[in-house]
Each structure stands twice: as C-alpha cells, then as structure tokens.
PDB file of N, CA and C in Angstrom:
ATOM      1  N   MET A   1      55.948  65.836  80.174  1.00  0.00           N
ATOM      2  CA  MET A   1      57.060  66.425  80.601  1.00  0.00           C
ATOM      3  C   MET A   1      55.677  67.492  81.759  1.00  0.00           C
ATOM      4  N   LYS A   2      56.428  68.271  82.795  1.00  0.00           N
ATOM      5  CA  LYS A   2      55.260  68.569  83.338  1.00  0.00           C
ATOM      6  C   LYS A   2      55.255  70.172  83.420  1.00  0.00           C
ATOM      7  N   LYS A   3      53.937  70.524  83.493  1.00  0.00           N
ATOM      8  CA  LYS A   3      53.615  72.788  83.009  1.00  0.00           C
ATOM      9  C   LYS A   3      53.437  73.167  84.147  1.00  0.00           C
ATOM     10  N   THR A   4      53.996  74.141  83.857  1.00  0.00           N
ATOM     11  CA  THR A   4      54.034  75.265  84.798  1.00  0.00           C
ATOM     12  C   THR A   4      53.212  76.440  85.060  1.00  0.00           C
ATOM     13  N   PRO A   5      52.861  76.616  85.820  1.00  0.00           N
ATOM     14  CA  PRO A   5      51.701  77.275  86.098  1.00  0.00           C
ATOM     15  C   PRO A   5      52.455  79.033  85.343  1.00  0.00           C
ATOM     16  N   SER A   6      51.413  79.530  84.864  1.00  0.00           N
ATOM     17  CA  SER A   6      51.670  81.063  83.668  1.00  0.00           C
ATOM     18  C   SER A   6      50.975  81.881  85.294  1.00  0.00           C
ATOM     19  N   VAL A   7      51.830  82.582  85.617  1.00  0.00           N
ATOM     20  CA  VAL A   7      51.847  83.554  86.054  1.00  0.00           C
ATOM     21  C   VAL A   7      50.989  85.033  85.408  1.00  0.00           C
ATOM     22  N   ALA A   8      49.884  85.213  85.632  1.00  0.00           N
ATOM     23  CA  ALA A   8      50.531  86.994  84.894  1.00  0.00           C
ATOM     24  C   ALA A   8      51.199  87.998  85.654  1.00  0.00           C
ATOM     25  N   PRO A   9      51.120  88.950  85.346  1.00  0.00           N
ATOM     26  CA  PRO A   9      51.960  90.201  85.582  1.00  0.00           C
ATOM     27  C   PRO A   9      51.572  90.911  86.335  1.00  0.00           C
ATOM     28  N   ALA A  10      52.180  91.836  87.401  1.00  0.00           N
ATOM     29  CA  ALA A  10      51.094  92.223  88.524  1.00  0.00           C
ATOM     30  C   ALA A  10      50.646  93.548  87.784  1.00  0.00           C
ATOM     31  N   THR A  11      49.592  92.984  86.961  1.00  0.00           N
ATOM     32  CA  THR A  11      48.860  95.122  87.534  1.00  0.00           C
ATOM     33  C   THR A  11      47.853  95.515  87.611  1.00  0.00           C
ATOM     34  N   ARG A  12      47.636  94.545  88.852  1.00  0.00           N
ATOM     35  CA  ARG A  12      47.010  94.914  89.489  1.00  0.00           C
ATOM     36  C   ARG A  12      46.844  96.725  89.959  1.00  0.00           C
ATOM     37  N   ALA A  13      46.080  97.766  89.914  1.00  0.00           N
ATOM     38  CA  ALA A  13      46.057  98.242  90.348  1.00  0.00           C
ATOM     39  C   ALA A  13      46.139  98.884  91.965  1.00  0.00           C
ATOM     40  N   VAL A  14      46.931 100.122  93.021  1.00  0.00           N
ATOM     41  CA  VAL A  14      45.925 100.208  94.090  1.00  0.00           C
ATOM     42  C   VAL A  14      44.940 100.847  94.189  1.00  0.00           C
ATOM     43  N   ALA A  15      43.968 100.877  94.699  1.00  0.00           N
ATOM     44  CA  ALA A  15      42.942 101.676  94.452  1.00  0.00           C
ATOM     45  C   ALA A  15      42.862 102.875  95.623  1.00  0.00           C
ATOM     46  N   ARG A  16      42.937 103.955  95.383  1.00  0.00           N
ATOM     47  CA  ARG A  16      42.993 105.156  96.015  1.00  0.00           C
ATOM     48  C   ARG A  16      41.804 105.617  96.667  1.00  0.00           C
ATOM     49  N   GLU A  17      41.604 105.216  97.862  1.00  0.00           N
ATOM     50  CA  GLU A  17      40.021 105.607  98.630  1.00  0.00           C
ATOM     51  C   GLU A  17      39.244 107.318  98.525  1.00  0.00           C
ATOM     52  N   ILE A  18      38.598 107.685  97.893  1.00  0.00           N
ATOM     53  CA  ILE A  18      37.992 108.824  98.009  1.00  0.00           C
ATOM     54  C   ILE A  18      36.921 109.285  98.528  1.00  0.00           C
ATOM     55  N   LEU A  19      37.113 109.599 100.027  1.00  0.00           N
ATOM     56  CA  LEU A  19      36.024 109.914 100.905  1.00  0.00           C
ATOM     57  C   LEU A  19      34.977 110.642 100.469  1.00  0.00           C
ATOM     58  N   VAL A  20      33.645 110.513 100.364  1.00  0.00           N
ATOM     59  CA  VAL A  20      32.499 111.288  99.657  1.00  0.00           C
ATOM     60  C   VAL A  20      31.745 112.024 101.101  1.00  0.00           C
ATOM     61  N   ARG A  21      30.886 112.325 101.340  1.00  0.00           N
ATOM     62  CA  ARG A  21      30.082 113.095 102.347  1.00  0.00           C
ATOM     63  C   ARG A  21      28.680 112.449 102.769  1.00  0.00           C
ATOM     64  N   GLU A  22      28.002 111.783 101.213  1.00  0.00           N
ATOM     65  CA  GLU A  22      26.987 111.353 101.545  1.00  0.00           C
ATOM     66  C   GLU A  22      26.858 110.105  99.863  1.00  0.00           C
ATOM     67  N   VAL A  23      26.112 108.976  99.298  1.00  0.00           N
ATOM     68  CA  VAL A  23      25.740 108.768  98.787  1.00  0.00           C
ATOM     69  C   VAL A  23      24.353 108.605  98.403  1.00  0.00           C
ATOM     70  N   PRO A  24      23.633 108.545  96.965  1.00  0.00           N
ATOM     71  CA  PRO A  24      24.765 107.848  95.983  1.00  0.00           C
ATOM     72  C   PRO A  24      25.217 109.445  95.216  1.00  0.00           C
ATOM     73  N   ILE A  25      26.262 109.078  94.993  1.00  0.00           N
ATOM     74  CA  ILE A  25      27.447 110.210  94.095  1.00  0.00           C
ATOM     75  C   ILE A  25      27.291 110.126  92.343  1.00  0.00           C
ATOM     76  N   ASP A  26      26.902 111.401  91.851  1.00  0.00           N
ATOM     77  CA  ASP A  26      27.201 110.713  89.958  1.00  0.00           C
ATOM     78  C   ASP A  26      28.528 110.373  89.332  1.00  0.00           C
ATOM     79  N   LEU A  27      28.699 109.501  88.894  1.00  0.00           N
ATOM     80  CA  LEU A  27      29.803 109.241  88.268  1.00  0.00           C
ATOM     81  C   LEU A  27      30.872 110.009  87.887  1.00  0.00           C
ATOM     82  N   CYS A  28      30.149 111.407  87.017  1.00  0.00           N
ATOM     83  CA  CYS A  28      31.019 112.242  86.243  1.00  0.00           C
ATOM     84  C   CYS A  28      31.396 113.043  87.971  1.00  0.00           C
ATOM     85  N   GLN A  29      30.955 113.146  88.675  1.00  0.00           N
ATOM     86  CA  GLN A  29      30.797 114.185  89.719  1.00  0.00           C
ATOM     87  C   GLN A  29      32.055 113.441  90.704  1.00  0.00           C
ATOM     88  N   PHE A  30      32.004 112.070  90.768  1.00  0.00           N
ATOM     89  CA  PHE A  30      33.038 111.384  91.631  1.00  0.00           C
ATOM     90  C   PHE A  30      34.347 111.435  90.862  1.00  0.00           C
ATOM     91  N   ILE A  31      34.567 111.279  89.525  1.00  0.00           N
ATOM     92  CA  ILE A  31      35.940 111.148  88.817  1.00  0.00           C
ATOM     93  C   ILE A  31      36.406 112.637  88.648  1.00  0.00           C
ATOM     94  N   LYS A  32      35.653 114.114  89.010  1.00  0.00           N
ATOM     95  CA  LYS A  32      36.023 115.340  89.210  1.00  0.00           C
ATOM     96  C   LYS A  32      36.472 115.176  90.269  1.00  0.00           C
ATOM     97  N   PHE A  33      36.159 114.946  91.474  1.00  0.00           N
ATOM     98  CA  PHE A  33      36.310 115.008  92.866  1.00  0.00           C
ATOM     99  C   PHE A  33      37.694 114.210  93.235  1.00  0.00           C
ATOM    100  N   GLY A  34      37.244 113.286  92.280  1.00  0.00           N
ATOM    101  CA  GLY A  34      38.282 112.377  92.943  1.00  0.00           C
ATOM    102  C   GLY A  34      40.360 113.034  91.969  1.00  0.00           C
ATOM    103  N   GLY A  35      40.084 113.953  91.328  1.00  0.00           N
ATOM    104  CA  GLY A  35      41.411 114.530  90.628  1.00  0.00           C
ATOM    105  C   GLY A  35      41.651 113.366  89.592  1.00  0.00           C
ATOM    106  N   VAL A  36      40.851 113.063  89.225  1.00  0.00           N
ATOM    107  CA  VAL A  36      41.075 112.217  87.849  1.00  0.00           C
ATOM    108  C   VAL A  36      41.113 112.785  86.329  1.00  0.00           C
ATOM    109  N   VAL A  37      40.322 114.051  87.015  1.00  0.00           N
ATOM    110  CA  VAL A  37      40.169 115.062  85.346  1.00  0.00           C
ATOM    111  C   VAL A  37      40.276 116.625  85.843  1.00  0.00           C
ATOM    112  N   GLY A  38      40.189 117.478  85.348  1.00  0.00           N
ATOM    113  CA  GLY A  38      40.100 118.615  85.926  1.00  0.00           C
ATOM    114  C   GLY A  38      39.012 119.590  86.255  1.00  0.00           C
ATOM    115  N   THR A  39      37.842 118.948  84.774  1.00  0.00           N
ATOM    116  CA  THR A  39      36.776 119.504  84.806  1.00  0.00           C
ATOM    117  C   THR A  39      35.630 118.370  84.268  1.00  0.00           C
ATOM    118  N   GLY A  40      34.528 118.616  84.689  1.00  0.00           N
ATOM    119  CA  GLY A  40      32.754 118.220  84.852  1.00  0.00           C
ATOM    120  C   GLY A  40      33.203 117.928  83.273  1.00  0.00           C
ATOM    121  N   GLY A  41      33.385 118.588  82.260  1.00  0.00           N
ATOM    122  CA  GLY A  41      32.918 118.088  80.968  1.00  0.00           C
ATOM    123  C   GLY A  41      34.256 116.765  80.574  1.00  0.00           C
ATOM    124  N   GLU A  42      35.143 117.133  81.041  1.00  0.00           N
ATOM    125  CA  GLU A  42      36.226 116.210  80.918  1.00  0.00           C
ATOM    126  C   GLU A  42      35.762 114.545  80.834  1.00  0.00           C
ATOM    127  N   ALA A  43      35.238 114.919  82.408  1.00  0.00           N
ATOM    128  CA  ALA A  43      34.387 113.421  83.146  1.00  0.00           C
ATOM    129  C   ALA A  43      33.578 112.915  82.020  1.00  0.00           C
ATOM    130  N   LYS A  44      32.886 113.728  81.852  1.00  0.00           N
ATOM    131  CA  LYS A  44      31.843 113.471  80.713  1.00  0.00           C
ATOM    132  C   LYS A  44      32.249 113.015  79.500  1.00  0.00           C
ATOM    133  N   GLN A  45      33.430 113.174  79.353  1.00  0.00           N
ATOM    134  CA  GLN A  45      33.244 113.038  77.756  1.00  0.00           C
ATOM    135  C   GLN A  45      33.824 111.704  77.802  1.00  0.00           C
ATOM    136  N   ILE A  46      35.465 111.529  78.832  1.00  0.00           N
ATOM    137  CA  ILE A  46      35.683 109.947  79.193  1.00  0.00           C
ATOM    138  C   ILE A  46      34.746 108.817  79.552  1.00  0.00           C
ATOM    139  N   ILE A  47      33.962 109.205  80.099  1.00  0.00           N
ATOM    140  CA  ILE A  47      32.329 108.163  80.165  1.00  0.00           C
ATOM    141  C   ILE A  47      32.622 108.036  78.816  1.00  0.00           C
ATOM    142  N   ALA A  48      31.943 109.018  78.477  1.00  0.00           N
ATOM    143  CA  ALA A  48      30.862 108.869  76.803  1.00  0.00           C
ATOM    144  C   ALA A  48      32.064 107.701  75.767  1.00  0.00           C
ATOM    145  N   SER A  49      32.478 107.783  75.872  1.00  0.00           N
ATOM    146  CA  SER A  49      33.848 107.384  75.489  1.00  0.00           C
ATOM    147  C   SER A  49      34.454 105.935  75.625  1.00  0.00           C
ATOM    148  N   GLY A  50      33.994 105.867  76.254  1.00  0.00           N
ATOM    149  CA  GLY A  50      34.061 104.110  77.342  1.00  0.00           C
ATOM    150  C   GLY A  50      35.429 103.446  77.432  1.00  0.00           C
ATOM    151  N   MET A  51      35.987 104.353  78.491  1.00  0.00           N
ATOM    152  CA  MET A  51      37.223 104.869  79.037  1.00  0.00           C
ATOM    153  C   MET A  51      37.284 104.578  80.579  1.00  0.00           C
ATOM    154  N   VAL A  52      35.926 104.321  80.657  1.00  0.00           N
ATOM    155  CA  VAL A  52      35.681 104.503  82.287  1.00  0.00           C
ATOM    156  C   VAL A  52      34.947 102.650  83.131  1.00  0.00           C
ATOM    157  N   THR A  53      35.638 102.148  83.863  1.00  0.00           N
ATOM    158  CA  THR A  53      34.877 101.129  83.763  1.00  0.00           C
ATOM    159  C   THR A  53      33.869 101.163  85.781  1.00  0.00           C
ATOM    160  N   LEU A  54      33.203 101.093  85.857  1.00  0.00           N
ATOM    161  CA  LEU A  54      32.753 100.771  87.255  1.00  0.00           C
ATOM    162  C   LEU A  54      32.419  99.381  87.725  1.00  0.00           C
ATOM    163  N   ASN A  55      33.204  99.408  88.492  1.00  0.00           N
ATOM    164  CA  ASN A  55      33.154  97.737  89.048  1.00  0.00           C
ATOM    165  C   ASN A  55      33.709  96.484  88.125  1.00  0.00           C
ATOM    166  N   GLY A  56      34.920  96.738  87.253  1.00  0.00           N
ATOM    167  CA  GLY A  56      35.241  96.271  86.127  1.00  0.00           C
ATOM    168  C   GLY A  56      34.575  96.049  84.754  1.00  0.00           C
ATOM    169  N   THR A  57      33.488  96.500  84.903  1.00  0.00           N
ATOM    170  CA  THR A  57      32.351  96.695  83.305  1.00  0.00           C
ATOM    171  C   THR A  57      32.736  98.220  83.164  1.00  0.00           C
ATOM    172  N   VAL A  58      32.662  98.160  81.891  1.00  0.00           N
ATOM    173  CA  VAL A  58      32.841  99.631  81.243  1.00  0.00           C
ATOM    174  C   VAL A  58      31.314 100.350  81.068  1.00  0.00           C
ATOM    175  N   GLU A  59      31.281 101.302  81.501  1.00  0.00           N
ATOM    176  CA  GLU A  59      29.780 102.580  82.145  1.00  0.00           C
ATOM    177  C   GLU A  59      29.812 103.571  80.811  1.00  0.00           C
ATOM    178  N   THR A  60      29.042 104.425  80.501  1.00  0.00           N
ATOM    179  CA  THR A  60      28.738 105.230  79.828  1.00  0.00           C
ATOM    180  C   THR A  60      27.732 105.898  80.155  1.00  0.00           C
ATOM    181  N   GLN A  61      27.441 105.915  81.138  1.00  0.00           N
ATOM    182  CA  GLN A  61      26.140 106.164  81.937  1.00  0.00           C
ATOM    183  C   GLN A  61      27.049 107.807  83.204  1.00  0.00           C
ATOM    184  N   LYS A  62      27.134 108.908  82.629  1.00  0.00           N
ATOM    185  CA  LYS A  62      27.451 109.580  83.111  1.00  0.00           C
ATOM    186  C   LYS A  62      26.750 110.515  84.550  1.00  0.00           C
ATOM    187  N   ARG A  63      25.869 110.027  85.197  1.00  0.00           N
ATOM    188  CA  ARG A  63      24.578 110.293  86.198  1.00  0.00           C
ATOM    189  C   ARG A  63      24.609 108.298  86.784  1.00  0.00           C
ATOM    190  N   LYS A  64      24.884 107.677  86.471  1.00  0.00           N
ATOM    191  CA  LYS A  64      24.831 106.166  86.857  1.00  0.00           C
ATOM    192  C   LYS A  64      25.316 106.725  88.724  1.00  0.00           C
ATOM    193  N   LYS A  65      24.952 106.985  89.315  1.00  0.00           N
ATOM    194  CA  LYS A  65      24.798 106.165  90.693  1.00  0.00           C
ATOM    195  C   LYS A  65      25.747 105.633  91.558  1.00  0.00           C
ATOM    196  N   LEU A  66      26.542 106.093  92.239  1.00  0.00           N
ATOM    197  CA  LEU A  66      27.266 104.710  92.903  1.00  0.00           C
ATOM    198  C   LEU A  66      27.359 105.098  94.251  1.00  0.00           C
ATOM    199  N   VAL A  67      27.535 104.230  94.941  1.00  0.00           N
ATOM    200  CA  VAL A  67      27.215 103.397  96.345  1.00  0.00           C
ATOM    201  C   VAL A  67      29.373 103.108  97.444  1.00  0.00           C
ATOM    202  N   ALA A  68      28.796 103.449  98.479  1.00  0.00           N
ATOM    203  CA  ALA A  68      29.943 102.857  98.806  1.00  0.00           C
ATOM    204  C   ALA A  68      30.311 101.684  98.508  1.00  0.00           C
ATOM    205  N   GLY A  69      32.206 101.329  98.727  1.00  0.00           N
ATOM    206  CA  GLY A  69      32.930 100.623  97.252  1.00  0.00           C
ATOM    207  C   GLY A  69      32.895  99.912  96.432  1.00  0.00           C
ATOM    208  N   ASP A  70      31.864 100.593  95.594  1.00  0.00           N
ATOM    209  CA  ASP A  70      31.923 101.019  94.128  1.00  0.00           C
ATOM    210  C   ASP A  70      33.984 101.263  94.099  1.00  0.00           C
ATOM    211  N   LEU A  71      33.996 100.575  92.572  1.00  0.00           N
ATOM    212  CA  LEU A  71      35.588 101.080  92.300  1.00  0.00           C
ATOM    213  C   LEU A  71      35.460 101.563  90.636  1.00  0.00           C
ATOM    214  N   VAL A  72      35.626 102.416  90.611  1.00  0.00           N
ATOM    215  CA  VAL A  72      35.726 103.760  89.186  1.00  0.00           C
ATOM    216  C   VAL A  72      37.800 103.529  88.629  1.00  0.00           C
ATOM    217  N   SER A  73      37.707 102.815  87.429  1.00  0.00           N
ATOM    218  CA  SER A  73      38.776 103.250  87.222  1.00  0.00           C
ATOM    219  C   SER A  73      38.874 104.170  85.589  1.00  0.00           C
ATOM    220  N   ALA A  74      39.951 105.195  86.009  1.00  0.00           N
ATOM    221  CA  ALA A  74      40.045 105.903  84.484  1.00  0.00           C
ATOM    222  C   ALA A  74      41.166 106.288  84.476  1.00  0.00           C
ATOM    223  N   ASN A  75      41.792 106.989  83.305  1.00  0.00           N
ATOM    224  CA  ASN A  75      42.808 107.340  82.936  1.00  0.00           C
ATOM    225  C   ASN A  75      43.838 106.629  84.253  1.00  0.00           C
ATOM    226  N   GLY A  76      43.862 105.264  83.668  1.00  0.00           N
ATOM    227  CA  GLY A  76      45.060 104.456  84.560  1.00  0.00           C
ATOM    228  C   GLY A  76      45.217 104.585  86.374  1.00  0.00           C
ATOM    229  N   GLU A  77      44.169 104.920  86.800  1.00  0.00           N
ATOM    230  CA  GLU A  77      44.357 104.993  88.551  1.00  0.00           C
ATOM    231  C   GLU A  77      42.415 104.482  88.743  1.00  0.00           C
ATOM    232  N   THR A  78      42.679 103.784  89.692  1.00  0.00           N
ATOM    233  CA  THR A  78      41.975 103.064  90.533  1.00  0.00           C
ATOM    234  C   THR A  78      41.094 103.546  91.638  1.00  0.00           C
ATOM    235  N   LEU A  79      39.876 103.923  91.928  1.00  0.00           N
ATOM    236  CA  LEU A  79      39.322 104.660  92.867  1.00  0.00           C
ATOM    237  C   LEU A  79      38.323 104.260  93.484  1.00  0.00           C
ATOM    238  N   VAL A  80      38.284 104.640  94.883  1.00  0.00           N
ATOM    239  CA  VAL A  80      36.905 103.170  95.613  1.00  0.00           C
ATOM    240  C   VAL A  80      36.170 104.337  96.715  1.00  0.00           C
ATOM    241  N   VAL A  81      34.899 103.919  95.881  1.00  0.00           N
ATOM    242  CA  VAL A  81      34.510 104.994  97.211  1.00  0.00           C
ATOM    243  C   VAL A  81      33.435 105.181  98.742  1.00  0.00           C
ATOM    244  N   ARG A  82      34.387 105.554  99.571  1.00  0.00           N
ATOM    245  CA  ARG A  82      34.329 105.255 100.538  1.00  0.00           C
ATOM    246  C   ARG A  82      32.816 107.241 101.197  1.00  0.00           C
ATOM    247  N   VAL A  83      32.839 106.742 102.559  1.00  0.00           N
ATOM    248  CA  VAL A  83      31.944 107.647 103.063  1.00  0.00           C
ATOM    249  C   VAL A  83      32.025 108.610 104.152  1.00  0.00           C
ATOM    250  N   GLN A  84      32.153 109.253 104.179  1.00  0.00           N
ATOM    251  CA  GLN A  84      32.419 109.853 105.729  1.00  0.00           C
ATOM    252  C   GLN A  84      31.915 109.542 106.532  1.00  0.00           C
TER     253      GLN A  84
END
C-alpha cells in the first residue's frame, strides 16, 4: 500500500513588518508599538503569562532586547522587527 504524505493545514501567519527607529528595542515596547495591545501594562501581562513567542520560543522577559529580523507572535499576530 502506497503512503501519501500528510500535509499540514496552512496555519503560518504572514508577518507584519513594524518599522522602528533603532534597535535594540524592548519586547514590551515593541508589542505595544506594533498595536498588538493598547498599553504597556497589557504587554507586560501577556509576556509574563507566556502568551508571547520570540523567534518561535516562548519568551517571558518583558525587557528582552529585540534586533532587526526578530519575529514576535502574540494575540494571533506575527510581527517582524525592521529598522527604518
């Protein structure tokens, strides 16, 4: 019997580029600046609760320094750091 390869559904989100003036930028600032949350307090809460990934790994450090090209996922959105 011939096996057919299983194909995962298309779940990969398209990353939205967020232009920042300079790097590094703190993770909590980037999430707020990117519009994922409305306040810095909300950003800190979702980071602390483990709801944010940085380059595919859960990140709980609110002041984690981001550099150009980093991928941040939170609240169903994926953002990429780009420098103006």
